[in-house]
Amino acid sequence: MRISLGGGGTDLEAYYATYGGVVISTAINKYFYAILTPEEPHDLQLISADYHTLFRNTSSADLTWDGELALPRAVLHQFGIRGGLNLFSASEVPPGTGLGSSSAATVALVRAMSTLVDQSLTRQQVAEMASMIEIEKMGMPIGKQDQYASAFGGLNKITFTSSGVTVEPLRIDPEIRALLERRLMLFFTGSSRESTSILKHQRKSTTEQDEAVLQALHNIKQSAAGIEQCLLAGDLDGFARILDYSWQEKRRLAPNLSSAFIDECYTLARQHGVQGGKITGAGGGGFFLLYCPQEAQEAVTAVLHQRGLKRMHFCFDQQGATVLLNIPDGWRLTSSSF
């Protein structure tokens, strides 16, 4: 998974193809797992722990990617796999909570399937294939930052243009990085959200040159540059101020990005020591990301717990999508399977 620190929204093609986009994000140690095991040659079984769903196919026909478990079916279709496989998947974070879980799933599945068929892919290629599957193949109205964050890992500046995507690790002082990690807090609001309508609205407004939305996106992109400068300079108070400013600008992108409950909780958090924050992802629910000095974190945690929010501890992650175990001997998909 990942948390976006600045620039979110500028990674949608409707914006970056014309103006260029920039996102500052970091991967975190919350993961999506994909486990592949052999099945009968013409059988295919997909099991999702998150959706409590099982899909089984005994036909040799090409898969479609509609209905249940559409995402893994789309990835399997991309690799031409029709059978001989059992896929079990599970996530440490509920779907639809703004931490990039859907794209983390796609990246993990692409990495797993490419390993299975002995197709060597770079991190860039994994991220680009995952983006293509979600955006082009499945028609999802999303950006590209999540796929790159999951594939690469680490704390990065990710730049989006019509000619491609560039990932640059932020070389900040290790002590500043550790302090930032300790001062960032995540709170689950208790509700997931369906981001499609929010992102469709943003994409439509951007395409139609809505002045208010475009200006908000320009400001958000400029904020990402400011966040980069603050982190490189070790100015975490400045980072917190920009984080708060970015949230206020983000609220202008589409209806339902916030709610009375979210606003109330954020105000309470600010009153008890939080210096900046935002709702992660497209908005509407999911997780609060808050920047708070350590001496105030106990009070913030207590007041938000009283409102029903639950804190989730996390650390930054450096690895990106990784094959944890690969035992290929004695198991090969037949050439007719892909």
C-alpha atoms as a PDB file:
ATOM      1  CA  MET A   1       0.000   0.000   0.000  1.00  0.00           C
ATOM      2  CA  ARG A   2       1.010   3.644  -0.114  1.00  0.00           C
ATOM      3  CA  ILE A   3       0.285   7.035   1.369  1.00  0.00           C
ATOM      4  CA  SER A   4       0.324  10.015  -0.952  1.00  0.00           C
ATOM      5  CA  LEU A   5       1.927  13.050   0.687  1.00  0.00           C
ATOM      6  CA  GLY A   6       1.249  15.549  -2.088  1.00  0.00           C
ATOM      7  CA  GLY A   7       0.164  15.956  -5.701  1.00  0.00           C
ATOM      8  CA  GLY A   8      -2.672  13.429  -5.675  1.00  0.00           C
ATOM      9  CA  GLY A   9      -5.059  13.999  -8.581  1.00  0.00           C
ATOM     10  CA  THR A  10      -2.392  15.279 -10.958  1.00  0.00           C
ATOM     11  CA  ASP A  11      -1.612  11.650 -11.924  1.00  0.00           C
ATOM     12  CA  LEU A  12      -4.824  11.351 -13.970  1.00  0.00           C
ATOM     13  CA  GLU A  13      -4.161  11.485 -17.697  1.00  0.00           C
ATOM     14  CA  ALA A  14      -6.847  14.123 -18.221  1.00  0.00           C
ATOM     15  CA  TYR A  15      -4.566  16.476 -16.292  1.00  0.00           C
ATOM     16  CA  TYR A  16      -0.966  15.320 -16.771  1.00  0.00           C
ATOM     17  CA  ALA A  17      -1.209  14.848 -20.555  1.00  0.00           C
ATOM     18  CA  THR A  18      -1.596  18.627 -20.859  1.00  0.00           C
ATOM     19  CA  TYR A  19       0.011  20.091 -17.739  1.00  0.00           C
ATOM     20  CA  GLY A  20       2.265  17.360 -16.351  1.00  0.00           C
ATOM     21  CA  GLY A  21       1.718  15.829 -12.925  1.00  0.00           C
ATOM     22  CA  VAL A  22       3.865  15.318  -9.821  1.00  0.00           C
ATOM     23  CA  VAL A  23       3.170  13.166  -6.772  1.00  0.00           C
ATOM     24  CA  ILE A  24       5.196  12.668  -3.585  1.00  0.00           C
ATOM     25  CA  SER A  25       4.337   9.307  -2.019  1.00  0.00           C
ATOM     26  CA  THR A  26       5.752   6.569   0.140  1.00  0.00           C
ATOM     27  CA  ALA A  27       5.030   2.871   0.248  1.00  0.00           C
ATOM     28  CA  ILE A  28       4.119   1.471   3.681  1.00  0.00           C
ATOM     29  CA  ASN A  29       4.364  -1.947   5.303  1.00  0.00           C
ATOM     30  CA  LYS A  30       0.772  -3.009   4.631  1.00  0.00           C
ATOM     31  CA  TYR A  31       0.598  -5.595   1.893  1.00  0.00           C
ATOM     32  CA  PHE A  32      -1.507  -7.444  -0.633  1.00  0.00           C
ATOM     33  CA  TYR A  33      -0.630 -11.141  -0.917  1.00  0.00           C
ATOM     34  CA  ALA A  34      -1.071 -13.425  -3.915  1.00  0.00           C
ATOM     35  CA  ILE A  35      -0.383 -17.154  -3.525  1.00  0.00           C
ATOM     36  CA  LEU A  36      -0.286 -19.356  -6.626  1.00  0.00           C
ATOM     37  CA  THR A  37      -0.497 -23.147  -6.441  1.00  0.00           C
ATOM     38  CA  PRO A  38      -1.073 -25.798  -9.144  1.00  0.00           C
ATOM     39  CA  GLU A  39      -4.549 -26.958 -10.116  1.00  0.00           C
ATOM     40  CA  GLU A  40      -5.824 -29.539 -12.591  1.00  0.00           C
ATOM     41  CA  PRO A  41      -4.718 -28.577 -16.149  1.00  0.00           C
ATOM     42  CA  HIS A  42      -8.112 -27.246 -17.290  1.00  0.00           C
ATOM     43  CA  ASP A  43      -9.269 -25.921 -13.904  1.00  0.00           C
ATOM     44  CA  LEU A  44      -8.915 -22.384 -12.657  1.00  0.00           C
ATOM     45  CA  GLN A  45      -9.819 -21.337  -9.121  1.00  0.00           C
ATOM     46  CA  LEU A  46      -9.676 -17.832  -7.634  1.00  0.00           C
ATOM     47  CA  ILE A  47     -10.277 -17.230  -3.934  1.00  0.00           C
ATOM     48  CA  SER A  48     -10.461 -13.772  -2.364  1.00  0.00           C
ATOM     49  CA  ALA A  49     -10.275 -13.499   1.416  1.00  0.00           C
ATOM     50  CA  ASP A  50     -11.225  -9.813   1.244  1.00  0.00           C
ATOM     51  CA  TYR A  51     -14.456 -10.333  -0.689  1.00  0.00           C
ATOM     52  CA  HIS A  52     -15.217 -13.810   0.706  1.00  0.00           C
ATOM     53  CA  THR A  53     -15.608 -14.929  -2.883  1.00  0.00           C
ATOM     54  CA  LEU A  54     -14.638 -17.964  -4.945  1.00  0.00           C
ATOM     55  CA  PHE A  55     -14.561 -18.137  -8.739  1.00  0.00           C
ATOM     56  CA  ARG A  56     -14.043 -21.438 -10.528  1.00  0.00           C
ATOM     57  CA  ASN A  57     -13.758 -22.066 -14.245  1.00  0.00           C
ATOM     58  CA  THR A  58     -13.345 -25.422 -15.991  1.00  0.00           C
ATOM     59  CA  SER A  59     -13.572 -24.097 -19.529  1.00  0.00           C
ATOM     60  CA  SER A  60     -10.574 -23.655 -21.816  1.00  0.00           C
ATOM     61  CA  ALA A  61     -12.147 -20.513 -23.302  1.00  0.00           C
ATOM     62  CA  ASP A  62     -10.601 -17.096 -22.760  1.00  0.00           C
ATOM     63  CA  LEU A  63     -11.521 -15.414 -19.491  1.00  0.00           C
ATOM     64  CA  THR A  64     -13.711 -12.360 -19.359  1.00  0.00           C
ATOM     65  CA  TRP A  65     -13.188  -9.757 -16.663  1.00  0.00           C
ATOM     66  CA  ASP A  66     -16.680  -8.833 -15.618  1.00  0.00           C
ATOM     67  CA  GLY A  67     -18.563  -9.827 -12.511  1.00  0.00           C
ATOM     68  CA  GLU A  68     -16.882 -11.297  -9.454  1.00  0.00           C
ATOM     69  CA  LEU A  69     -13.101 -10.991  -9.094  1.00  0.00           C
ATOM     70  CA  ALA A  70     -12.854  -9.024 -12.324  1.00  0.00           C
ATOM     71  CA  LEU A  71      -9.380  -7.694 -11.510  1.00  0.00           C
ATOM     72  CA  PRO A  72      -7.514 -11.009 -11.138  1.00  0.00           C
ATOM     73  CA  ARG A  73      -9.397 -12.346 -14.158  1.00  0.00           C
ATOM     74  CA  ALA A  74      -8.191  -9.379 -16.217  1.00  0.00           C
ATOM     75  CA  VAL A  75      -4.590 -10.011 -15.121  1.00  0.00           C
ATOM     76  CA  LEU A  76      -4.864 -13.723 -15.972  1.00  0.00           C
ATOM     77  CA  HIS A  77      -6.275 -12.827 -19.387  1.00  0.00           C
ATOM     78  CA  GLN A  78      -3.367 -10.448 -19.962  1.00  0.00           C
ATOM     79  CA  PHE A  79      -0.947 -13.339 -19.460  1.00  0.00           C
ATOM     80  CA  GLY A  80      -3.093 -15.764 -21.468  1.00  0.00           C
ATOM     81  CA  ILE A  81      -3.633 -18.121 -18.518  1.00  0.00           C
ATOM     82  CA  ARG A  82      -6.801 -20.224 -18.722  1.00  0.00           C
ATOM     83  CA  GLY A  83      -6.212 -23.104 -16.323  1.00  0.00           C
ATOM     84  CA  GLY A  84      -3.900 -25.160 -14.165  1.00  0.00           C
ATOM     85  CA  LEU A  85      -3.850 -22.542 -11.445  1.00  0.00           C
ATOM     86  CA  ASN A  86      -5.228 -21.819  -7.987  1.00  0.00           C
ATOM     87  CA  LEU A  87      -4.926 -18.211  -6.850  1.00  0.00           C
ATOM     88  CA  PHE A  88      -5.522 -17.154  -3.247  1.00  0.00           C
ATOM     89  CA  SER A  89      -5.396 -13.428  -2.483  1.00  0.00           C
ATOM     90  CA  ALA A  90      -5.669 -11.373   0.698  1.00  0.00           C
ATOM     91  CA  SER A  91      -4.999  -7.814   1.799  1.00  0.00           C
ATOM     92  CA  GLU A  92      -3.939  -6.386   5.156  1.00  0.00           C
ATOM     93  CA  VAL A  93      -6.102  -3.316   4.498  1.00  0.00           C
ATOM     94  CA  PRO A  94      -9.819  -3.276   3.604  1.00  0.00           C
ATOM     95  CA  PRO A  95     -10.534  -2.457  -0.052  1.00  0.00           C
ATOM     96  CA  GLY A  96     -11.665   1.069  -0.870  1.00  0.00           C
ATOM     97  CA  THR A  97      -9.877   2.837   1.976  1.00  0.00           C
ATOM     98  CA  GLY A  98      -7.609   5.198   0.041  1.00  0.00           C
ATOM     99  CA  LEU A  99      -4.270   3.431   0.460  1.00  0.00           C
ATOM    100  CA  GLY A 100      -4.024   2.186  -3.115  1.00  0.00           C
ATOM    101  CA  SER A 101      -5.121  -1.371  -2.340  1.00  0.00           C
ATOM    102  CA  SER A 102      -6.630  -2.059  -5.775  1.00  0.00           C
ATOM    103  CA  SER A 103      -3.464  -1.091  -7.611  1.00  0.00           C
ATOM    104  CA  ALA A 104      -1.321  -2.894  -5.031  1.00  0.00           C
ATOM    105  CA  ALA A 105      -3.352  -5.998  -5.875  1.00  0.00           C
ATOM    106  CA  THR A 106      -2.800  -5.508  -9.607  1.00  0.00           C
ATOM    107  CA  VAL A 107       0.938  -4.983  -9.157  1.00  0.00           C
ATOM    108  CA  ALA A 108       1.261  -8.047  -6.928  1.00  0.00           C
ATOM    109  CA  LEU A 109      -0.672 -10.179  -9.412  1.00  0.00           C
ATOM    110  CA  VAL A 110       1.399  -8.938 -12.368  1.00  0.00           C
ATOM    111  CA  ARG A 111       4.611  -9.692 -10.461  1.00  0.00           C
ATOM    112  CA  ALA A 112       3.346 -13.147  -9.488  1.00  0.00           C
ATOM    113  CA  MET A 113       2.077 -14.081 -12.958  1.00  0.00           C
ATOM    114  CA  SER A 114       5.194 -12.841 -14.734  1.00  0.00           C
ATOM    115  CA  THR A 115       7.305 -14.939 -12.369  1.00  0.00           C
ATOM    116  CA  LEU A 116       5.108 -17.956 -13.040  1.00  0.00           C
ATOM    117  CA  VAL A 117       5.553 -17.737 -16.816  1.00  0.00           C
ATOM    118  CA  ASP A 118       9.264 -16.805 -16.594  1.00  0.00           C
ATOM    119  CA  GLN A 119       8.702 -13.338 -18.020  1.00  0.00           C
ATOM    120  CA  SER A 120      11.311 -10.989 -16.580  1.00  0.00           C
ATOM    121  CA  LEU A 121       9.835  -7.531 -15.937  1.00  0.00           C
ATOM    122  CA  THR A 122      11.496  -4.459 -14.478  1.00  0.00           C
ATOM    123  CA  ARG A 123       9.696  -2.450 -11.801  1.00  0.00           C
ATOM    124  CA  GLN A 124       8.842   0.117 -14.445  1.00  0.00           C
ATOM    125  CA  GLN A 125       7.351  -2.563 -16.694  1.00  0.00           C
ATOM    126  CA  VAL A 126       5.345  -4.064 -13.819  1.00  0.00           C
ATOM    127  CA  ALA A 127       3.911  -0.633 -12.950  1.00  0.00           C
ATOM    128  CA  GLU A 128       3.113   0.177 -16.576  1.00  0.00           C
ATOM    129  CA  MET A 129       1.412  -3.164 -17.215  1.00  0.00           C
ATOM    130  CA  ALA A 130      -0.633  -2.810 -14.019  1.00  0.00           C
ATOM    131  CA  SER A 131      -1.662   0.715 -15.091  1.00  0.00           C
ATOM    132  CA  MET A 132      -2.641  -0.496 -18.545  1.00  0.00           C
ATOM    133  CA  ILE A 133      -4.756  -3.340 -17.130  1.00  0.00           C
ATOM    134  CA  GLU A 134      -6.667  -1.077 -14.740  1.00  0.00           C
ATOM    135  CA  ILE A 135      -7.040   2.030 -16.906  1.00  0.00           C
ATOM    136  CA  GLU A 136      -7.241   0.720 -20.477  1.00  0.00           C
ATOM    137  CA  LYS A 137      -8.335  -2.896 -20.149  1.00  0.00           C
ATOM    138  CA  MET A 138     -10.826  -2.407 -17.308  1.00  0.00           C
ATOM    139  CA  GLY A 139     -11.722   1.219 -18.005  1.00  0.00           C
ATOM    140  CA  MET A 140     -11.155   2.427 -14.435  1.00  0.00           C
ATOM    141  CA  PRO A 141     -11.077   6.259 -14.053  1.00  0.00           C
ATOM    142  CA  ILE A 142      -7.900   6.266 -11.952  1.00  0.00           C
ATOM    143  CA  GLY A 143      -4.393   7.687 -12.066  1.00  0.00           C
ATOM    144  CA  LYS A 144      -1.004   5.985 -12.172  1.00  0.00           C
ATOM    145  CA  GLN A 145       0.640   6.882  -8.877  1.00  0.00           C
ATOM    146  CA  ASP A 146      -0.544   3.807  -6.951  1.00  0.00           C
ATOM    147  CA  GLN A 147       0.866   1.278  -9.398  1.00  0.00           C
ATOM    148  CA  TYR A 148       4.287   2.937  -9.380  1.00  0.00           C
ATOM    149  CA  ALA A 149       4.323   3.320  -5.594  1.00  0.00           C
ATOM    150  CA  SER A 150       3.588  -0.388  -5.143  1.00  0.00           C
ATOM    151  CA  ALA A 151       6.001  -1.583  -7.801  1.00  0.00           C
ATOM    152  CA  PHE A 152       8.958   0.547  -6.676  1.00  0.00           C
ATOM    153  CA  GLY A 153       8.516   0.945  -2.916  1.00  0.00           C
ATOM    154  CA  GLY A 154      10.257   3.731  -1.034  1.00  0.00           C
ATOM    155  CA  LEU A 155       9.664   7.468  -0.679  1.00  0.00           C
ATOM    156  CA  ASN A 156       9.564   8.927  -4.180  1.00  0.00           C
ATOM    157  CA  LYS A 157       8.836  11.869  -6.402  1.00  0.00           C
ATOM    158  CA  ILE A 158       6.827  10.469  -9.304  1.00  0.00           C
ATOM    159  CA  THR A 159       6.496  12.635 -12.410  1.00  0.00           C
ATOM    160  CA  PHE A 160       3.806  12.065 -15.052  1.00  0.00           C
ATOM    161  CA  THR A 161       3.925  13.407 -18.608  1.00  0.00           C
ATOM    162  CA  SER A 162       2.402  12.421 -21.940  1.00  0.00           C
ATOM    163  CA  SER A 163       5.703  10.718 -22.818  1.00  0.00           C
ATOM    164  CA  GLY A 164       6.030   8.569 -19.693  1.00  0.00           C
ATOM    165  CA  VAL A 165       6.484   8.247 -15.932  1.00  0.00           C
ATOM    166  CA  THR A 166       9.675   8.918 -13.965  1.00  0.00           C
ATOM    167  CA  VAL A 167      10.351   7.714 -10.412  1.00  0.00           C
ATOM    168  CA  GLU A 168      13.002   9.535  -8.365  1.00  0.00           C
ATOM    169  CA  PRO A 169      13.783   8.478  -4.763  1.00  0.00           C
ATOM    170  CA  LEU A 170      13.791  11.434  -2.359  1.00  0.00           C
ATOM    171  CA  ARG A 171      17.245  11.568  -0.753  1.00  0.00           C
ATOM    172  CA  ILE A 172      16.247  13.138   2.529  1.00  0.00           C
ATOM    173  CA  ASP A 173      18.273  13.043   5.728  1.00  0.00           C
ATOM    174  CA  PRO A 174      17.756   9.664   7.493  1.00  0.00           C
ATOM    175  CA  GLU A 175      16.944  11.393  10.798  1.00  0.00           C
ATOM    176  CA  ILE A 176      14.326  13.591   9.128  1.00  0.00           C
ATOM    177  CA  ARG A 177      12.883  10.539   7.412  1.00  0.00           C
ATOM    178  CA  ALA A 178      12.639   8.671  10.727  1.00  0.00           C
ATOM    179  CA  LEU A 179      11.059  11.694  12.430  1.00  0.00           C
ATOM    180  CA  LEU A 180       8.512  12.051   9.616  1.00  0.00           C
ATOM    181  CA  GLU A 181       7.650   8.366   9.940  1.00  0.00           C
ATOM    182  CA  ARG A 182       7.086   8.724  13.698  1.00  0.00           C
ATOM    183  CA  ARG A 183       4.942  11.841  13.334  1.00  0.00           C
ATOM    184  CA  LEU A 184       2.585  10.548  10.632  1.00  0.00           C
ATOM    185  CA  MET A 185      -0.536   8.777  11.903  1.00  0.00           C
ATOM    186  CA  LEU A 186      -3.242   6.789  10.104  1.00  0.00           C
ATOM    187  CA  PHE A 187      -6.799   6.502  11.421  1.00  0.00           C
ATOM    188  CA  PHE A 188      -9.481   4.373   9.805  1.00  0.00           C
ATOM    189  CA  THR A 189     -12.714   6.340   9.620  1.00  0.00           C
ATOM    190  CA  GLY A 190     -14.733   3.121   9.788  1.00  0.00           C
ATOM    191  CA  SER A 191     -16.044   3.339   6.242  1.00  0.00           C
ATOM    192  CA  SER A 192     -14.707   2.417   2.848  1.00  0.00           C
ATOM    193  CA  ARG A 193     -15.704   4.488  -0.140  1.00  0.00           C
ATOM    194  CA  GLU A 194     -16.464   3.997  -3.796  1.00  0.00           C
ATOM    195  CA  SER A 195     -14.022   6.370  -5.473  1.00  0.00           C
ATOM    196  CA  THR A 196     -15.212   5.857  -9.063  1.00  0.00           C
ATOM    197  CA  SER A 197     -17.820   8.628  -9.026  1.00  0.00           C
ATOM    198  CA  ILE A 198     -15.383  11.102  -7.450  1.00  0.00           C
ATOM    199  CA  LEU A 199     -12.652  10.329  -9.984  1.00  0.00           C
ATOM    200  CA  LYS A 200     -15.084  10.377 -12.918  1.00  0.00           C
ATOM    201  CA  HIS A 201     -16.251  13.817 -11.831  1.00  0.00           C
ATOM    202  CA  GLN A 202     -12.672  15.052 -11.561  1.00  0.00           C
ATOM    203  CA  ARG A 203     -11.739  13.602 -14.957  1.00  0.00           C
ATOM    204  CA  LYS A 204     -14.834  15.132 -16.596  1.00  0.00           C
ATOM    205  CA  SER A 205     -14.216  18.539 -15.008  1.00  0.00           C
ATOM    206  CA  THR A 206     -10.569  18.486 -16.072  1.00  0.00           C
ATOM    207  CA  THR A 207     -11.404  17.460 -19.633  1.00  0.00           C
ATOM    208  CA  GLU A 208     -14.019  20.203 -19.862  1.00  0.00           C
ATOM    209  CA  GLN A 209     -11.513  22.787 -18.573  1.00  0.00           C
ATOM    210  CA  ASP A 210     -13.454  23.603 -15.411  1.00  0.00           C
ATOM    211  CA  GLU A 211     -11.497  26.610 -14.129  1.00  0.00           C
ATOM    212  CA  ALA A 212     -12.030  25.920 -10.424  1.00  0.00           C
ATOM    213  CA  VAL A 213     -10.947  22.273 -10.691  1.00  0.00           C
ATOM    214  CA  LEU A 214      -7.962  23.089 -12.904  1.00  0.00           C
ATOM    215  CA  GLN A 215      -6.780  25.807 -10.525  1.00  0.00           C
ATOM    216  CA  ALA A 216      -7.106  23.419  -7.573  1.00  0.00           C
ATOM    217  CA  LEU A 217      -5.018  20.821  -9.448  1.00  0.00           C
ATOM    218  CA  HIS A 218      -2.401  23.439 -10.334  1.00  0.00           C
ATOM    219  CA  ASN A 219      -2.210  24.397  -6.658  1.00  0.00           C
ATOM    220  CA  ILE A 220      -1.984  20.750  -5.602  1.00  0.00           C
ATOM    221  CA  LYS A 221       0.876  20.168  -8.049  1.00  0.00           C
ATOM    222  CA  GLN A 222       2.669  23.224  -6.693  1.00  0.00           C
ATOM    223  CA  SER A 223       2.124  21.860  -3.195  1.00  0.00           C
ATOM    224  CA  ALA A 224       3.922  18.660  -4.166  1.00  0.00           C
ATOM    225  CA  ALA A 225       6.940  20.760  -5.149  1.00  0.00           C
ATOM    226  CA  GLY A 226       6.722  22.550  -1.805  1.00  0.00           C
ATOM    227  CA  ILE A 227       6.543  19.256   0.081  1.00  0.00           C
ATOM    228  CA  GLU A 228       9.634  18.018  -1.742  1.00  0.00           C
ATOM    229  CA  GLN A 229      11.531  21.171  -0.785  1.00  0.00           C
ATOM    230  CA  CYS A 230      10.427  20.956   2.853  1.00  0.00           C
ATOM    231  CA  LEU A 231      11.456  17.314   3.180  1.00  0.00           C
ATOM    232  CA  LEU A 232      14.843  17.911   1.576  1.00  0.00           C
ATOM    233  CA  ALA A 233      15.408  20.900   3.869  1.00  0.00           C
ATOM    234  CA  GLY A 234      14.196  19.058   6.974  1.00  0.00           C
ATOM    235  CA  ASP A 235      11.358  21.556   7.495  1.00  0.00           C
ATOM    236  CA  LEU A 236       8.626  19.280   8.838  1.00  0.00           C
ATOM    237  CA  ASP A 237       6.528  22.155  10.202  1.00  0.00           C
ATOM    238  CA  GLY A 238       6.447  23.554   6.664  1.00  0.00           C
ATOM    239  CA  PHE A 239       5.496  20.104   5.394  1.00  0.00           C
ATOM    240  CA  ALA A 240       2.550  20.019   7.818  1.00  0.00           C
ATOM    241  CA  ARG A 241       1.293  23.431   6.673  1.00  0.00           C
ATOM    242  CA  ILE A 242       1.380  22.359   3.026  1.00  0.00           C
ATOM    243  CA  LEU A 243      -0.351  19.073   3.871  1.00  0.00           C
ATOM    244  CA  ASP A 244      -3.244  21.039   5.380  1.00  0.00           C
ATOM    245  CA  TYR A 245      -3.335  23.459   2.433  1.00  0.00           C
ATOM    246  CA  SER A 246      -3.398  20.567  -0.053  1.00  0.00           C
ATOM    247  CA  TRP A 247      -6.389  19.037   1.735  1.00  0.00           C
ATOM    248  CA  GLN A 248      -8.310  22.299   1.475  1.00  0.00           C
ATOM    249  CA  GLU A 249      -7.536  22.458  -2.265  1.00  0.00           C
ATOM    250  CA  LYS A 250      -8.401  18.800  -2.786  1.00  0.00           C
ATOM    251  CA  ARG A 251     -11.884  19.382  -1.390  1.00  0.00           C
ATOM    252  CA  ARG A 252     -12.555  21.581  -4.440  1.00  0.00           C
ATOM    253  CA  LEU A 253     -12.036  18.763  -6.955  1.00  0.00           C
ATOM    254  CA  ALA A 254     -15.389  16.994  -6.630  1.00  0.00           C
ATOM    255  CA  PRO A 255     -18.483  16.719  -4.430  1.00  0.00           C
ATOM    256  CA  ASN A 256     -18.456  14.291  -1.493  1.00  0.00           C
ATOM    257  CA  LEU A 257     -14.688  14.434  -1.000  1.00  0.00           C
ATOM    258  CA  SER A 258     -15.398  15.258   2.614  1.00  0.00           C
ATOM    259  CA  SER A 259     -18.385  15.065   4.951  1.00  0.00           C
ATOM    260  CA  ALA A 260     -19.621  16.699   8.140  1.00  0.00           C
ATOM    261  CA  PHE A 261     -18.228  13.770  10.133  1.00  0.00           C
ATOM    262  CA  ILE A 262     -14.805  13.942   8.455  1.00  0.00           C
ATOM    263  CA  ASP A 263     -14.665  17.716   8.983  1.00  0.00           C
ATOM    264  CA  GLU A 264     -15.620  17.320  12.634  1.00  0.00           C
ATOM    265  CA  CYS A 265     -12.929  14.708  13.236  1.00  0.00           C
ATOM    266  CA  TYR A 266     -10.281  16.803  11.488  1.00  0.00           C
ATOM    267  CA  THR A 267     -11.198  19.863  13.552  1.00  0.00           C
ATOM    268  CA  LEU A 268     -10.956  17.820  16.751  1.00  0.00           C
ATOM    269  CA  ALA A 269      -7.570  16.460  15.710  1.00  0.00           C
ATOM    270  CA  ARG A 270      -6.289  19.977  14.964  1.00  0.00           C
ATOM    271  CA  GLN A 271      -7.526  21.187  18.347  1.00  0.00           C
ATOM    272  CA  HIS A 272      -5.515  18.451  20.091  1.00  0.00           C
ATOM    273  CA  GLY A 273      -2.176  18.955  18.385  1.00  0.00           C
ATOM    274  CA  VAL A 274      -2.371  17.788  14.755  1.00  0.00           C
ATOM    275  CA  GLN A 275      -0.619  20.279  12.470  1.00  0.00           C
ATOM    276  CA  GLY A 276      -1.878  19.009   9.109  1.00  0.00           C
ATOM    277  CA  GLY A 277      -3.662  16.122   7.476  1.00  0.00           C
ATOM    278  CA  LYS A 278      -6.039  14.837   4.845  1.00  0.00           C
ATOM    279  CA  ILE A 279      -8.215  11.930   3.803  1.00  0.00           C
ATOM    280  CA  THR A 280      -6.141   9.461   1.797  1.00  0.00           C
ATOM    281  CA  GLY A 281      -6.905   8.500  -1.787  1.00  0.00           C
ATOM    282  CA  ALA A 282      -9.764  10.011  -3.774  1.00  0.00           C
ATOM    283  CA  GLY A 283     -11.617  11.034  -0.597  1.00  0.00           C
ATOM    284  CA  GLY A 284     -15.051  10.344   0.817  1.00  0.00           C
ATOM    285  CA  GLY A 285     -13.877   7.995   3.562  1.00  0.00           C
ATOM    286  CA  GLY A 286     -11.132   5.495   4.252  1.00  0.00           C
ATOM    287  CA  PHE A 287      -8.117   6.642   6.273  1.00  0.00           C
ATOM    288  CA  PHE A 288      -7.101   9.950   7.767  1.00  0.00           C
ATOM    289  CA  LEU A 289      -3.406  10.765   7.343  1.00  0.00           C
ATOM    290  CA  LEU A 290      -2.368  13.160  10.114  1.00  0.00           C
ATOM    291  CA  TYR A 291       0.932  14.855  10.964  1.00  0.00           C
ATOM    292  CA  CYS A 292       1.293  15.202  14.719  1.00  0.00           C
ATOM    293  CA  PRO A 293       4.229  15.730  17.128  1.00  0.00           C
ATOM    294  CA  GLN A 294       4.747  12.677  19.289  1.00  0.00           C
ATOM    295  CA  GLU A 295       3.906  14.433  22.544  1.00  0.00           C
ATOM    296  CA  ALA A 296       0.348  15.118  21.290  1.00  0.00           C
ATOM    297  CA  GLN A 297      -0.332  11.731  19.704  1.00  0.00           C
ATOM    298  CA  GLU A 298      -1.822  10.118  22.811  1.00  0.00           C
ATOM    299  CA  ALA A 299      -4.409  12.892  23.164  1.00  0.00           C
ATOM    300  CA  VAL A 300      -5.241  12.828  19.444  1.00  0.00           C
ATOM    301  CA  THR A 301      -5.625   9.053  19.504  1.00  0.00           C
ATOM    302  CA  ALA A 302      -7.944   9.222  22.528  1.00  0.00           C
ATOM    303  CA  VAL A 303     -10.247  11.900  21.090  1.00  0.00           C
ATOM    304  CA  LEU A 304     -10.506  10.198  17.691  1.00  0.00           C
ATOM    305  CA  HIS A 305     -11.133   6.815  19.297  1.00  0.00           C
ATOM    306  CA  GLN A 306     -14.068   8.409  21.096  1.00  0.00           C
ATOM    307  CA  ARG A 307     -15.472   9.337  17.679  1.00  0.00           C
ATOM    308  CA  GLY A 308     -15.091   5.743  16.485  1.00  0.00           C
ATOM    309  CA  LEU A 309     -11.849   6.080  14.515  1.00  0.00           C
ATOM    310  CA  LYS A 310      -9.181   3.387  14.889  1.00  0.00           C
ATOM    311  CA  ARG A 311      -5.459   4.053  14.617  1.00  0.00           C
ATOM    312  CA  MET A 312      -3.384   1.772  12.395  1.00  0.00           C
ATOM    313  CA  HIS A 313       0.346   1.731  13.046  1.00  0.00           C
ATOM    314  CA  PHE A 314       2.645   1.526  10.043  1.00  0.00           C
ATOM    315  CA  CYS A 315       6.215   2.033   8.840  1.00  0.00           C
ATOM    316  CA  PHE A 316       7.670   3.132   5.528  1.00  0.00           C
ATOM    317  CA  ASP A 317       8.532   0.322   3.105  1.00  0.00           C
ATOM    318  CA  GLN A 318      11.509   0.192   0.755  1.00  0.00           C
ATOM    319  CA  GLN A 319      11.113  -3.013  -1.255  1.00  0.00           C
ATOM    320  CA  GLY A 320       8.096  -2.650  -3.492  1.00  0.00           C
ATOM    321  CA  ALA A 321       6.427  -5.713  -5.018  1.00  0.00           C
ATOM    322  CA  THR A 322       8.489  -8.758  -4.064  1.00  0.00           C
ATOM    323  CA  VAL A 323       8.394 -12.504  -4.701  1.00  0.00           C
ATOM    324  CA  LEU A 324       8.685 -14.005  -1.218  1.00  0.00           C
ATOM    325  CA  LEU A 325       8.902 -17.671  -2.249  1.00  0.00           C
ATOM    326  CA  ASN A 326       9.209 -19.383  -5.607  1.00  0.00           C
ATOM    327  CA  ILE A 327       9.375 -23.179  -5.911  1.00  0.00           C
ATOM    328  CA  PRO A 328       9.028 -23.791  -9.653  1.00  0.00           C
ATOM    329  CA  ASP A 329      10.392 -27.377  -9.871  1.00  0.00           C
ATOM    330  CA  GLY A 330       7.742 -29.852 -10.920  1.00  0.00           C
ATOM    331  CA  TRP A 331       5.178 -27.200 -11.879  1.00  0.00           C
ATOM    332  CA  ARG A 332       4.997 -25.711 -15.323  1.00  0.00           C
ATOM    333  CA  LEU A 333       1.925 -24.403 -17.077  1.00  0.00           C
ATOM    334  CA  THR A 334       1.526 -26.145 -20.431  1.00  0.00           C
ATOM    335  CA  SER A 335       2.014 -24.077 -23.549  1.00  0.00           C
ATOM    336  CA  SER A 336      -1.702 -24.333 -24.271  1.00  0.00           C
ATOM    337  CA  SER A 337      -2.432 -22.460 -21.054  1.00  0.00           C
ATOM    338  CA  PHE A 338      -1.035 -19.143 -22.255  1.00  0.00           C
END
